[in-house]
């Protein structure tokens, strides 16, 4: 049975701002899985707040990722609105096999390069692991903005990597968030597959 000191330490390490960001991201992903354009309002607010959380934790790749996510959220909003205006709904697309292969190679190269830069030029904590989360997430967010089904496979991988990373940094709310996001990614994949058929 855990002592009260361990519970007290756990509660002291949790940040209210981290909790707000986590809630916004959960709502965002739930709305993405439902293909609701309203996801972008929650996504923009969530990534802005998480930028601060990751800066404080010295997870610079994830901090910079939030800036990129902000831009991709704005791009995705435009792209989803266009699809909705043309088809009456957000239409799910699929990548070709060559495009999938190019994407996987691109992610591998990006992880290697970004991890090296963070390792060499910053005091980043866990730079390679952090880079793996960041670059996989960038690819997933870009595919989601373009409405490709394969975004969910990348989110599943990014969420699995994130759970371990954030637990290692004692970001417990965020670790819990990524456990829920993993479940939402699996659910989102199933919903988008059904919408594609």
N, C-alpha and C. Protein backbone atom coordinates (compact mmCIF):
# COMPACT_ATOMS: atom_id res chain seq x y z
N UNK A 1 0.84 -1.19 0.00
CA UNK A 1 0.00 0.00 0.00
C UNK A 1 0.89 1.25 0.00
N UNK A 2 0.65 2.22 -0.94
CA UNK A 2 1.52 3.39 -1.01
C UNK A 2 1.36 4.27 0.22
N UNK A 3 2.47 4.87 0.62
CA UNK A 3 2.40 5.77 1.77
C UNK A 3 1.80 7.10 1.33
N UNK A 4 1.35 7.87 2.32
CA UNK A 4 0.76 9.17 2.02
C UNK A 4 1.80 10.13 1.47
N UNK A 5 3.08 9.93 1.81
CA UNK A 5 4.14 10.80 1.28
C UNK A 5 4.25 10.66 -0.23
N UNK A 6 4.13 9.43 -0.72
CA UNK A 6 4.21 9.21 -2.17
C UNK A 6 3.03 9.87 -2.86
N UNK A 7 1.84 9.72 -2.30
CA UNK A 7 0.64 10.34 -2.87
C UNK A 7 0.76 11.86 -2.84
N UNK A 8 1.23 12.40 -1.73
CA UNK A 8 1.40 13.85 -1.59
C UNK A 8 2.41 14.37 -2.63
N UNK A 9 3.53 13.65 -2.81
CA UNK A 9 4.54 14.04 -3.79
C UNK A 9 3.95 14.02 -5.20
N UNK A 10 3.17 12.98 -5.51
CA UNK A 10 2.52 12.87 -6.81
C UNK A 10 1.62 14.08 -7.06
N UNK A 11 0.81 14.44 -6.07
CA UNK A 11 -0.11 15.57 -6.22
C UNK A 11 0.64 16.89 -6.33
N UNK A 12 1.76 17.03 -5.63
CA UNK A 12 2.55 18.26 -5.70
C UNK A 12 3.20 18.45 -7.06
N UNK A 13 3.53 17.34 -7.74
CA UNK A 13 4.17 17.42 -9.05
C UNK A 13 3.18 17.75 -10.16
N UNK A 14 1.90 17.56 -9.93
CA UNK A 14 0.91 17.83 -10.97
C UNK A 14 0.67 19.34 -11.09
N UNK A 15 0.53 19.78 -12.30
CA UNK A 15 0.33 21.19 -12.59
C UNK A 15 -1.09 21.44 -13.06
N UNK A 16 -1.76 22.46 -12.49
CA UNK A 16 -3.12 22.77 -12.97
C UNK A 16 -3.16 23.11 -14.46
N UNK A 17 -2.14 23.82 -14.94
CA UNK A 17 -2.12 24.20 -16.35
C UNK A 17 -1.98 22.94 -17.23
N UNK A 18 -1.23 21.95 -16.74
CA UNK A 18 -1.10 20.69 -17.46
C UNK A 18 -2.46 19.98 -17.54
N UNK A 19 -3.23 20.07 -16.45
CA UNK A 19 -4.56 19.47 -16.43
C UNK A 19 -5.51 20.11 -17.44
N UNK A 20 -5.46 21.44 -17.53
CA UNK A 20 -6.31 22.16 -18.49
C UNK A 20 -5.93 21.77 -19.92
N UNK A 21 -4.63 21.74 -20.19
CA UNK A 21 -4.16 21.37 -21.52
C UNK A 21 -4.59 19.95 -21.88
N UNK A 22 -4.47 19.04 -20.92
CA UNK A 22 -4.86 17.65 -21.15
C UNK A 22 -6.34 17.54 -21.49
N UNK A 23 -7.18 18.25 -20.75
CA UNK A 23 -8.62 18.21 -21.00
C UNK A 23 -8.95 18.75 -22.39
N UNK A 24 -8.32 19.85 -22.78
CA UNK A 24 -8.56 20.42 -24.11
C UNK A 24 -8.15 19.44 -25.22
N UNK A 25 -7.02 18.77 -25.04
CA UNK A 25 -6.56 17.82 -26.05
C UNK A 25 -7.49 16.61 -26.13
N UNK A 26 -7.97 16.13 -24.99
CA UNK A 26 -8.92 15.01 -25.01
C UNK A 26 -10.17 15.37 -25.80
N UNK A 27 -10.72 16.54 -25.53
CA UNK A 27 -11.91 16.98 -26.25
C UNK A 27 -11.60 17.11 -27.75
N UNK A 28 -10.43 17.67 -28.06
CA UNK A 28 -10.00 17.83 -29.44
C UNK A 28 -9.98 16.49 -30.17
N UNK A 29 -9.31 15.49 -29.60
CA UNK A 29 -9.17 14.20 -30.28
C UNK A 29 -10.52 13.49 -30.38
N UNK A 30 -11.34 13.61 -29.36
CA UNK A 30 -12.68 13.00 -29.41
C UNK A 30 -13.47 13.59 -30.59
N UNK A 31 -13.36 14.91 -30.78
CA UNK A 31 -14.06 15.56 -31.89
C UNK A 31 -13.45 15.19 -33.24
N UNK A 32 -12.11 15.00 -33.29
CA UNK A 32 -11.46 14.57 -34.54
C UNK A 32 -12.00 13.20 -34.94
N UNK A 33 -12.07 12.29 -33.97
CA UNK A 33 -12.57 10.94 -34.27
C UNK A 33 -13.99 10.98 -34.82
N UNK A 34 -14.76 11.96 -34.38
CA UNK A 34 -16.14 12.13 -34.86
C UNK A 34 -16.19 12.93 -36.17
N UNK A 35 -15.03 13.35 -36.64
CA UNK A 35 -14.90 14.18 -37.84
C UNK A 35 -15.66 15.49 -37.72
N UNK A 36 -15.61 16.07 -36.51
CA UNK A 36 -16.25 17.37 -36.26
C UNK A 36 -15.22 18.49 -36.45
N UNK A 37 -15.59 19.47 -37.21
CA UNK A 37 -14.70 20.60 -37.47
C UNK A 37 -14.44 21.42 -36.20
N UNK A 38 -15.28 21.25 -35.18
CA UNK A 38 -15.10 21.97 -33.91
C UNK A 38 -13.86 21.51 -33.16
N UNK A 39 -13.26 20.41 -33.58
CA UNK A 39 -12.04 19.94 -32.93
C UNK A 39 -10.96 21.01 -32.94
N UNK A 40 -10.95 21.85 -33.95
CA UNK A 40 -9.86 22.81 -34.10
C UNK A 40 -9.86 23.89 -33.02
N UNK A 41 -11.00 24.28 -32.52
CA UNK A 41 -11.04 25.28 -31.43
C UNK A 41 -10.31 24.75 -30.20
N UNK A 42 -10.59 23.49 -29.85
CA UNK A 42 -9.96 22.89 -28.67
C UNK A 42 -8.49 22.56 -28.94
N UNK A 43 -8.20 22.15 -30.16
CA UNK A 43 -6.81 21.83 -30.51
C UNK A 43 -5.90 23.03 -30.44
N UNK A 44 -6.35 24.16 -30.94
CA UNK A 44 -5.52 25.38 -30.92
C UNK A 44 -5.24 25.81 -29.48
N UNK A 45 -6.26 25.80 -28.63
CA UNK A 45 -6.05 26.18 -27.23
C UNK A 45 -5.14 25.18 -26.51
N UNK A 46 -5.35 23.90 -26.76
CA UNK A 46 -4.56 22.86 -26.10
C UNK A 46 -3.08 22.92 -26.44
N UNK A 47 -2.76 23.10 -27.73
CA UNK A 47 -1.35 23.13 -28.11
C UNK A 47 -0.66 24.38 -27.59
N UNK A 48 -1.38 25.49 -27.50
CA UNK A 48 -0.78 26.71 -26.96
C UNK A 48 -0.38 26.51 -25.50
N UNK A 49 -1.25 25.91 -24.72
CA UNK A 49 -0.96 25.68 -23.30
C UNK A 49 0.13 24.63 -23.14
N UNK A 50 0.09 23.57 -23.93
CA UNK A 50 1.11 22.54 -23.82
C UNK A 50 2.50 23.05 -24.21
N UNK A 51 2.58 24.06 -25.05
CA UNK A 51 3.87 24.66 -25.37
C UNK A 51 4.57 25.14 -24.10
N UNK A 52 3.81 25.75 -23.21
CA UNK A 52 4.35 26.23 -21.93
C UNK A 52 4.75 25.06 -21.03
N UNK A 53 3.90 24.05 -20.95
CA UNK A 53 4.18 22.88 -20.11
C UNK A 53 5.49 22.21 -20.53
N UNK A 54 5.68 22.01 -21.83
CA UNK A 54 6.86 21.31 -22.30
C UNK A 54 8.11 22.17 -22.18
N UNK A 55 7.98 23.48 -22.32
CA UNK A 55 9.13 24.37 -22.11
C UNK A 55 9.62 24.24 -20.67
N UNK A 56 8.71 24.23 -19.73
CA UNK A 56 9.08 24.10 -18.32
C UNK A 56 9.74 22.76 -18.02
N UNK A 57 9.36 21.70 -18.76
CA UNK A 57 9.93 20.36 -18.54
C UNK A 57 11.21 20.14 -19.35
N UNK A 58 11.66 21.15 -20.10
CA UNK A 58 12.84 21.05 -20.97
C UNK A 58 12.69 19.95 -22.03
N UNK A 59 11.48 19.76 -22.49
CA UNK A 59 11.21 18.87 -23.63
C UNK A 59 11.03 19.77 -24.85
N UNK A 60 12.16 20.27 -25.35
CA UNK A 60 12.14 21.30 -26.38
C UNK A 60 11.55 20.83 -27.70
N UNK A 61 11.77 19.58 -28.05
CA UNK A 61 11.16 19.08 -29.28
C UNK A 61 9.65 19.15 -29.19
N UNK A 62 9.12 18.73 -28.04
CA UNK A 62 7.66 18.78 -27.86
C UNK A 62 7.16 20.21 -27.78
N UNK A 63 7.95 21.11 -27.20
CA UNK A 63 7.56 22.52 -27.14
C UNK A 63 7.46 23.09 -28.56
N UNK A 64 8.50 22.87 -29.36
CA UNK A 64 8.48 23.36 -30.74
C UNK A 64 7.39 22.68 -31.55
N UNK A 65 7.12 21.43 -31.22
CA UNK A 65 6.05 20.70 -31.89
C UNK A 65 4.70 21.40 -31.70
N UNK A 66 4.48 21.98 -30.54
CA UNK A 66 3.21 22.67 -30.29
C UNK A 66 3.04 23.88 -31.21
N UNK A 67 4.15 24.57 -31.51
CA UNK A 67 4.09 25.70 -32.44
C UNK A 67 3.72 25.20 -33.84
N UNK A 68 4.34 24.08 -34.23
CA UNK A 68 4.02 23.49 -35.52
C UNK A 68 2.58 23.01 -35.55
N UNK A 69 2.12 22.41 -34.44
CA UNK A 69 0.73 21.96 -34.36
C UNK A 69 -0.24 23.12 -34.49
N UNK A 70 0.12 24.26 -33.95
CA UNK A 70 -0.74 25.44 -34.09
C UNK A 70 -0.93 25.77 -35.56
N UNK A 71 0.18 25.79 -36.31
CA UNK A 71 0.09 26.08 -37.75
C UNK A 71 -0.70 24.98 -38.47
N UNK A 72 -0.46 23.72 -38.12
CA UNK A 72 -1.19 22.63 -38.76
C UNK A 72 -2.67 22.62 -38.40
N UNK A 73 -3.01 23.07 -37.20
CA UNK A 73 -4.42 23.18 -36.84
C UNK A 73 -5.11 24.21 -37.73
N UNK A 74 -4.45 25.32 -37.99
CA UNK A 74 -5.03 26.34 -38.86
C UNK A 74 -5.15 25.81 -40.29
N UNK A 75 -4.12 25.11 -40.76
CA UNK A 75 -4.17 24.49 -42.09
C UNK A 75 -5.28 23.44 -42.15
N UNK A 76 -5.37 22.60 -41.14
CA UNK A 76 -6.39 21.56 -41.10
C UNK A 76 -7.80 22.13 -41.11
N UNK A 77 -7.99 23.20 -40.35
CA UNK A 77 -9.30 23.86 -40.31
C UNK A 77 -9.69 24.30 -41.72
N UNK A 78 -8.77 24.92 -42.43
CA UNK A 78 -9.03 25.35 -43.80
C UNK A 78 -9.35 24.15 -44.69
N UNK A 79 -8.53 23.09 -44.57
CA UNK A 79 -8.69 21.92 -45.44
C UNK A 79 -10.00 21.18 -45.14
N UNK A 80 -10.34 21.02 -43.86
CA UNK A 80 -11.59 20.34 -43.50
C UNK A 80 -12.80 21.15 -43.93
N UNK A 81 -12.74 22.46 -43.78
CA UNK A 81 -13.87 23.31 -44.21
C UNK A 81 -14.08 23.18 -45.71
N UNK A 82 -12.99 23.12 -46.45
CA UNK A 82 -13.09 22.97 -47.89
C UNK A 82 -13.75 21.65 -48.26
N UNK A 83 -13.33 20.56 -47.61
CA UNK A 83 -13.93 19.25 -47.86
C UNK A 83 -15.40 19.26 -47.51
N UNK A 84 -15.72 19.89 -46.39
CA UNK A 84 -17.11 19.96 -45.94
C UNK A 84 -17.97 20.77 -46.92
N UNK A 85 -17.42 21.84 -47.44
CA UNK A 85 -18.16 22.68 -48.38
C UNK A 85 -18.39 21.95 -49.71
N UNK A 86 -17.41 21.14 -50.13
CA UNK A 86 -17.53 20.45 -51.41
C UNK A 86 -18.39 19.19 -51.32
N UNK A 87 -18.32 18.47 -50.19
CA UNK A 87 -18.99 17.17 -50.09
C UNK A 87 -20.11 17.11 -49.07
N UNK A 88 -20.24 18.15 -48.27
CA UNK A 88 -21.25 18.13 -47.22
C UNK A 88 -20.79 17.42 -45.96
N UNK A 89 -19.58 16.87 -45.99
CA UNK A 89 -19.00 16.20 -44.82
C UNK A 89 -17.48 16.21 -44.95
N UNK A 90 -16.79 15.80 -43.88
CA UNK A 90 -15.35 15.65 -43.92
C UNK A 90 -15.06 14.25 -44.48
N UNK A 91 -14.52 14.20 -45.69
CA UNK A 91 -14.30 12.95 -46.41
C UNK A 91 -12.96 12.34 -46.00
N UNK A 92 -12.95 11.03 -45.71
CA UNK A 92 -11.74 10.31 -45.33
C UNK A 92 -11.03 9.80 -46.59
N UNK A 93 -9.74 10.05 -46.68
CA UNK A 93 -8.91 9.60 -47.81
C UNK A 93 -7.94 8.51 -47.33
N UNK A 94 -7.28 7.83 -48.29
CA UNK A 94 -6.25 6.82 -47.97
C UNK A 94 -5.00 7.09 -48.80
N UNK A 95 -3.84 6.81 -48.20
CA UNK A 95 -2.57 6.94 -48.90
C UNK A 95 -2.32 5.72 -49.78
N UNK A 96 -1.57 5.91 -50.85
CA UNK A 96 -1.13 4.78 -51.67
C UNK A 96 0.03 4.08 -50.94
N UNK A 97 0.33 2.85 -51.34
CA UNK A 97 1.45 2.13 -50.72
C UNK A 97 2.78 2.85 -50.90
N UNK A 98 3.11 3.39 -52.09
CA UNK A 98 4.37 4.14 -52.22
C UNK A 98 4.40 5.38 -51.30
N UNK A 99 3.28 6.04 -51.14
CA UNK A 99 3.23 7.21 -50.26
C UNK A 99 3.45 6.80 -48.81
N UNK A 100 2.92 5.66 -48.42
CA UNK A 100 3.15 5.16 -47.05
C UNK A 100 4.63 4.90 -46.82
N UNK A 101 5.27 4.25 -47.79
CA UNK A 101 6.69 3.94 -47.66
C UNK A 101 7.53 5.21 -47.58
N UNK A 102 7.24 6.17 -48.45
CA UNK A 102 7.96 7.46 -48.41
C UNK A 102 7.77 8.14 -47.05
N UNK A 103 6.57 8.05 -46.53
CA UNK A 103 6.29 8.66 -45.23
C UNK A 103 7.08 8.03 -44.11
N UNK A 104 7.17 6.70 -44.09
CA UNK A 104 7.93 6.01 -43.04
C UNK A 104 9.42 6.33 -43.12
N UNK A 105 9.96 6.37 -44.34
CA UNK A 105 11.37 6.73 -44.51
C UNK A 105 11.58 8.17 -44.05
N UNK A 106 10.68 9.05 -44.43
CA UNK A 106 10.78 10.45 -44.02
C UNK A 106 10.76 10.62 -42.51
N UNK A 107 9.91 9.88 -41.84
CA UNK A 107 9.85 9.95 -40.37
C UNK A 107 11.17 9.48 -39.77
N UNK A 108 11.71 8.37 -40.30
CA UNK A 108 12.99 7.86 -39.79
C UNK A 108 14.11 8.87 -39.93
N UNK A 109 14.21 9.51 -41.09
CA UNK A 109 15.24 10.52 -41.34
C UNK A 109 15.02 11.73 -40.42
N UNK A 110 13.77 12.15 -40.28
CA UNK A 110 13.47 13.32 -39.42
C UNK A 110 13.81 13.04 -37.96
N UNK A 111 13.51 11.83 -37.48
CA UNK A 111 13.84 11.47 -36.09
C UNK A 111 15.35 11.51 -35.89
N UNK A 112 16.09 10.92 -36.82
CA UNK A 112 17.55 10.89 -36.70
C UNK A 112 18.14 12.31 -36.69
N UNK A 113 17.69 13.14 -37.61
CA UNK A 113 18.22 14.50 -37.70
C UNK A 113 17.81 15.34 -36.50
N UNK A 114 16.54 15.33 -36.15
CA UNK A 114 16.06 16.16 -35.05
C UNK A 114 16.65 15.70 -33.71
N UNK A 115 16.73 14.39 -33.51
CA UNK A 115 17.33 13.87 -32.28
C UNK A 115 18.78 14.30 -32.15
N UNK A 116 19.52 14.24 -33.26
CA UNK A 116 20.92 14.66 -33.24
C UNK A 116 21.03 16.15 -32.91
N UNK A 117 20.19 16.98 -33.54
CA UNK A 117 20.23 18.43 -33.28
C UNK A 117 19.93 18.73 -31.81
N UNK A 118 18.91 18.09 -31.26
CA UNK A 118 18.55 18.32 -29.86
C UNK A 118 19.65 17.82 -28.91
N UNK A 119 20.26 16.69 -29.27
CA UNK A 119 21.34 16.13 -28.45
C UNK A 119 22.58 17.02 -28.50
N UNK A 120 22.91 17.51 -29.67
CA UNK A 120 24.15 18.25 -29.89
C UNK A 120 24.08 19.69 -29.41
N UNK A 121 22.94 20.35 -29.58
CA UNK A 121 22.89 21.79 -29.39
C UNK A 121 22.03 22.27 -28.22
N UNK A 122 21.39 21.37 -27.50
CA UNK A 122 20.55 21.80 -26.36
C UNK A 122 20.83 20.91 -25.15
N UNK A 123 20.23 21.30 -24.04
CA UNK A 123 20.29 20.46 -22.84
C UNK A 123 19.02 19.62 -22.73
N UNK A 124 18.45 19.28 -23.88
CA UNK A 124 17.18 18.54 -23.91
C UNK A 124 17.29 17.24 -23.12
N UNK A 125 16.23 16.94 -22.43
CA UNK A 125 16.13 15.69 -21.70
C UNK A 125 15.61 14.62 -22.65
N UNK A 126 16.30 13.47 -22.72
CA UNK A 126 15.88 12.34 -23.57
C UNK A 126 15.66 12.78 -25.03
N UNK A 127 16.67 13.37 -25.67
CA UNK A 127 16.46 13.99 -27.00
C UNK A 127 16.00 13.04 -28.09
N UNK A 128 16.48 11.78 -28.10
CA UNK A 128 16.11 10.86 -29.17
C UNK A 128 14.67 10.39 -28.99
N UNK A 129 14.31 10.07 -27.77
CA UNK A 129 12.94 9.64 -27.48
C UNK A 129 11.97 10.78 -27.77
N UNK A 130 12.34 11.96 -27.30
CA UNK A 130 11.52 13.15 -27.53
C UNK A 130 11.38 13.42 -29.03
N UNK A 131 12.47 13.25 -29.79
CA UNK A 131 12.42 13.46 -31.24
C UNK A 131 11.52 12.43 -31.92
N UNK A 132 11.53 11.20 -31.42
CA UNK A 132 10.66 10.17 -31.99
C UNK A 132 9.19 10.53 -31.82
N UNK A 133 8.84 11.00 -30.62
CA UNK A 133 7.47 11.45 -30.37
C UNK A 133 7.14 12.62 -31.29
N UNK A 134 8.05 13.59 -31.34
CA UNK A 134 7.79 14.82 -32.09
C UNK A 134 7.61 14.56 -33.58
N UNK A 135 8.52 13.83 -34.19
CA UNK A 135 8.46 13.64 -35.65
C UNK A 135 7.31 12.71 -36.06
N UNK A 136 7.02 11.70 -35.25
CA UNK A 136 5.87 10.85 -35.55
C UNK A 136 4.59 11.67 -35.43
N UNK A 137 4.54 12.53 -34.44
CA UNK A 137 3.36 13.38 -34.24
C UNK A 137 3.18 14.39 -35.36
N UNK A 138 4.29 14.95 -35.84
CA UNK A 138 4.21 15.89 -36.97
C UNK A 138 3.59 15.19 -38.17
N UNK A 139 4.09 14.00 -38.48
CA UNK A 139 3.56 13.27 -39.64
C UNK A 139 2.08 12.93 -39.43
N UNK A 140 1.73 12.50 -38.22
CA UNK A 140 0.33 12.16 -37.93
C UNK A 140 -0.58 13.38 -38.07
N UNK A 141 -0.13 14.51 -37.54
CA UNK A 141 -0.93 15.73 -37.59
C UNK A 141 -1.12 16.21 -39.03
N UNK A 142 -0.07 16.08 -39.83
CA UNK A 142 -0.17 16.48 -41.23
C UNK A 142 -1.16 15.58 -41.98
N UNK A 143 -1.09 14.27 -41.73
CA UNK A 143 -2.03 13.35 -42.37
C UNK A 143 -3.46 13.59 -41.89
N UNK A 144 -3.61 13.94 -40.60
CA UNK A 144 -4.94 14.22 -40.08
C UNK A 144 -5.51 15.48 -40.73
N UNK A 145 -4.68 16.50 -40.87
CA UNK A 145 -5.14 17.74 -41.52
C UNK A 145 -5.60 17.47 -42.94
N UNK A 146 -4.94 16.51 -43.61
CA UNK A 146 -5.31 16.16 -44.98
C UNK A 146 -6.38 15.08 -45.05
N UNK A 147 -6.86 14.61 -43.87
CA UNK A 147 -7.96 13.65 -43.74
C UNK A 147 -7.58 12.24 -44.18
N UNK A 148 -6.30 11.87 -44.04
CA UNK A 148 -5.88 10.51 -44.39
C UNK A 148 -6.08 9.57 -43.21
N UNK A 149 -6.68 8.42 -43.48
CA UNK A 149 -6.94 7.40 -42.48
C UNK A 149 -5.68 6.99 -41.73
N UNK A 150 -4.55 6.94 -42.41
CA UNK A 150 -3.30 6.47 -41.82
C UNK A 150 -2.80 7.33 -40.67
N UNK A 151 -3.37 8.52 -40.52
CA UNK A 151 -2.97 9.36 -39.39
C UNK A 151 -3.16 8.63 -38.07
N UNK A 152 -4.20 7.80 -37.99
CA UNK A 152 -4.51 7.12 -36.73
C UNK A 152 -3.45 6.09 -36.36
N UNK A 153 -2.86 5.40 -37.34
CA UNK A 153 -1.79 4.44 -37.05
C UNK A 153 -0.59 5.16 -36.45
N UNK A 154 -0.28 6.32 -37.02
CA UNK A 154 0.85 7.10 -36.48
C UNK A 154 0.53 7.65 -35.09
N UNK A 155 -0.72 8.05 -34.86
CA UNK A 155 -1.08 8.52 -33.52
C UNK A 155 -0.99 7.39 -32.50
N UNK A 156 -1.34 6.19 -32.89
CA UNK A 156 -1.22 5.06 -31.97
C UNK A 156 0.25 4.88 -31.57
N UNK A 157 1.16 4.91 -32.56
CA UNK A 157 2.58 4.79 -32.27
C UNK A 157 3.07 5.96 -31.41
N UNK A 158 2.72 7.18 -31.78
CA UNK A 158 3.15 8.36 -31.02
C UNK A 158 2.64 8.30 -29.58
N UNK A 159 1.42 7.84 -29.39
CA UNK A 159 0.86 7.75 -28.04
C UNK A 159 1.61 6.72 -27.20
N UNK A 160 1.94 5.58 -27.79
CA UNK A 160 2.71 4.57 -27.06
C UNK A 160 4.07 5.11 -26.64
N UNK A 161 4.76 5.80 -27.55
CA UNK A 161 6.05 6.41 -27.23
C UNK A 161 5.89 7.49 -26.15
N UNK A 162 4.82 8.26 -26.24
CA UNK A 162 4.59 9.37 -25.31
C UNK A 162 4.32 8.89 -23.89
N UNK A 163 3.60 7.81 -23.74
CA UNK A 163 3.27 7.30 -22.41
C UNK A 163 4.55 7.06 -21.61
N UNK A 164 5.51 6.38 -22.22
CA UNK A 164 6.78 6.12 -21.53
C UNK A 164 7.59 7.38 -21.29
N UNK A 165 7.65 8.27 -22.29
CA UNK A 165 8.43 9.50 -22.16
C UNK A 165 7.92 10.39 -21.04
N UNK A 166 6.63 10.62 -21.01
CA UNK A 166 6.08 11.54 -20.01
C UNK A 166 6.10 10.93 -18.62
N UNK A 167 5.98 9.62 -18.52
CA UNK A 167 6.12 8.97 -17.22
C UNK A 167 7.56 9.14 -16.72
N UNK A 168 8.53 9.00 -17.62
CA UNK A 168 9.93 9.17 -17.24
C UNK A 168 10.21 10.59 -16.74
N UNK A 169 9.45 11.57 -17.21
CA UNK A 169 9.61 12.97 -16.79
C UNK A 169 8.65 13.37 -15.66
N UNK A 170 7.92 12.42 -15.11
CA UNK A 170 6.97 12.65 -14.02
C UNK A 170 5.87 13.65 -14.40
N UNK A 171 5.51 13.68 -15.66
CA UNK A 171 4.37 14.49 -16.11
C UNK A 171 3.15 13.56 -16.07
N UNK A 172 2.63 13.35 -14.86
CA UNK A 172 1.64 12.30 -14.65
C UNK A 172 0.30 12.58 -15.30
N UNK A 173 -0.13 13.82 -15.29
CA UNK A 173 -1.39 14.14 -15.97
C UNK A 173 -1.25 13.86 -17.47
N UNK A 174 -0.12 14.27 -18.02
CA UNK A 174 0.11 14.08 -19.44
C UNK A 174 0.27 12.59 -19.76
N UNK A 175 0.92 11.84 -18.88
CA UNK A 175 1.02 10.39 -19.08
C UNK A 175 -0.38 9.77 -19.13
N UNK A 176 -1.22 10.15 -18.17
CA UNK A 176 -2.60 9.66 -18.16
C UNK A 176 -3.35 10.08 -19.41
N UNK A 177 -3.12 11.33 -19.83
CA UNK A 177 -3.74 11.82 -21.05
C UNK A 177 -3.40 10.92 -22.23
N UNK A 178 -2.14 10.55 -22.36
CA UNK A 178 -1.73 9.75 -23.51
C UNK A 178 -2.24 8.31 -23.45
N UNK A 179 -2.54 7.82 -22.26
CA UNK A 179 -3.22 6.53 -22.15
C UNK A 179 -4.62 6.66 -22.75
N UNK A 180 -5.33 7.74 -22.39
CA UNK A 180 -6.65 7.98 -22.96
C UNK A 180 -6.56 8.25 -24.47
N UNK A 181 -5.53 9.02 -24.88
CA UNK A 181 -5.38 9.32 -26.31
C UNK A 181 -5.11 8.05 -27.11
N UNK A 182 -4.40 7.11 -26.53
CA UNK A 182 -4.19 5.83 -27.20
C UNK A 182 -5.53 5.15 -27.47
N UNK A 183 -6.38 5.11 -26.46
CA UNK A 183 -7.72 4.54 -26.64
C UNK A 183 -8.53 5.30 -27.67
N UNK A 184 -8.45 6.64 -27.63
CA UNK A 184 -9.18 7.45 -28.62
C UNK A 184 -8.64 7.23 -30.03
N UNK A 185 -7.33 7.03 -30.16
CA UNK A 185 -6.75 6.79 -31.49
C UNK A 185 -7.25 5.47 -32.06
N UNK A 186 -7.35 4.47 -31.22
CA UNK A 186 -7.88 3.17 -31.68
C UNK A 186 -9.34 3.33 -32.09
N UNK A 187 -10.11 4.05 -31.28
CA UNK A 187 -11.51 4.32 -31.58
C UNK A 187 -11.63 5.16 -32.86
N UNK A 188 -10.78 6.19 -32.99
CA UNK A 188 -10.80 7.04 -34.19
C UNK A 188 -10.50 6.26 -35.45
N UNK A 189 -9.53 5.35 -35.36
CA UNK A 189 -9.21 4.50 -36.51
C UNK A 189 -10.43 3.69 -36.93
N UNK A 190 -11.11 3.11 -35.96
CA UNK A 190 -12.30 2.30 -36.28
C UNK A 190 -13.39 3.17 -36.91
N UNK A 191 -13.63 4.36 -36.36
CA UNK A 191 -14.66 5.25 -36.91
C UNK A 191 -14.33 5.72 -38.32
N UNK A 192 -13.06 6.10 -38.54
CA UNK A 192 -12.68 6.59 -39.86
C UNK A 192 -12.68 5.45 -40.87
N UNK A 193 -12.32 4.24 -40.45
CA UNK A 193 -12.40 3.09 -41.36
C UNK A 193 -13.85 2.87 -41.80
N UNK A 194 -14.76 2.93 -40.85
CA UNK A 194 -16.19 2.75 -41.16
C UNK A 194 -16.68 3.84 -42.10
N UNK A 195 -16.21 5.07 -41.92
CA UNK A 195 -16.63 6.18 -42.76
C UNK A 195 -16.05 6.06 -44.17
N UNK A 196 -14.92 5.38 -44.28
CA UNK A 196 -14.25 5.22 -45.57
C UNK A 196 -14.96 4.22 -46.46
N UNK A 197 -15.66 3.24 -45.88
CA UNK A 197 -16.32 2.17 -46.65
C UNK A 197 -17.71 2.56 -47.08
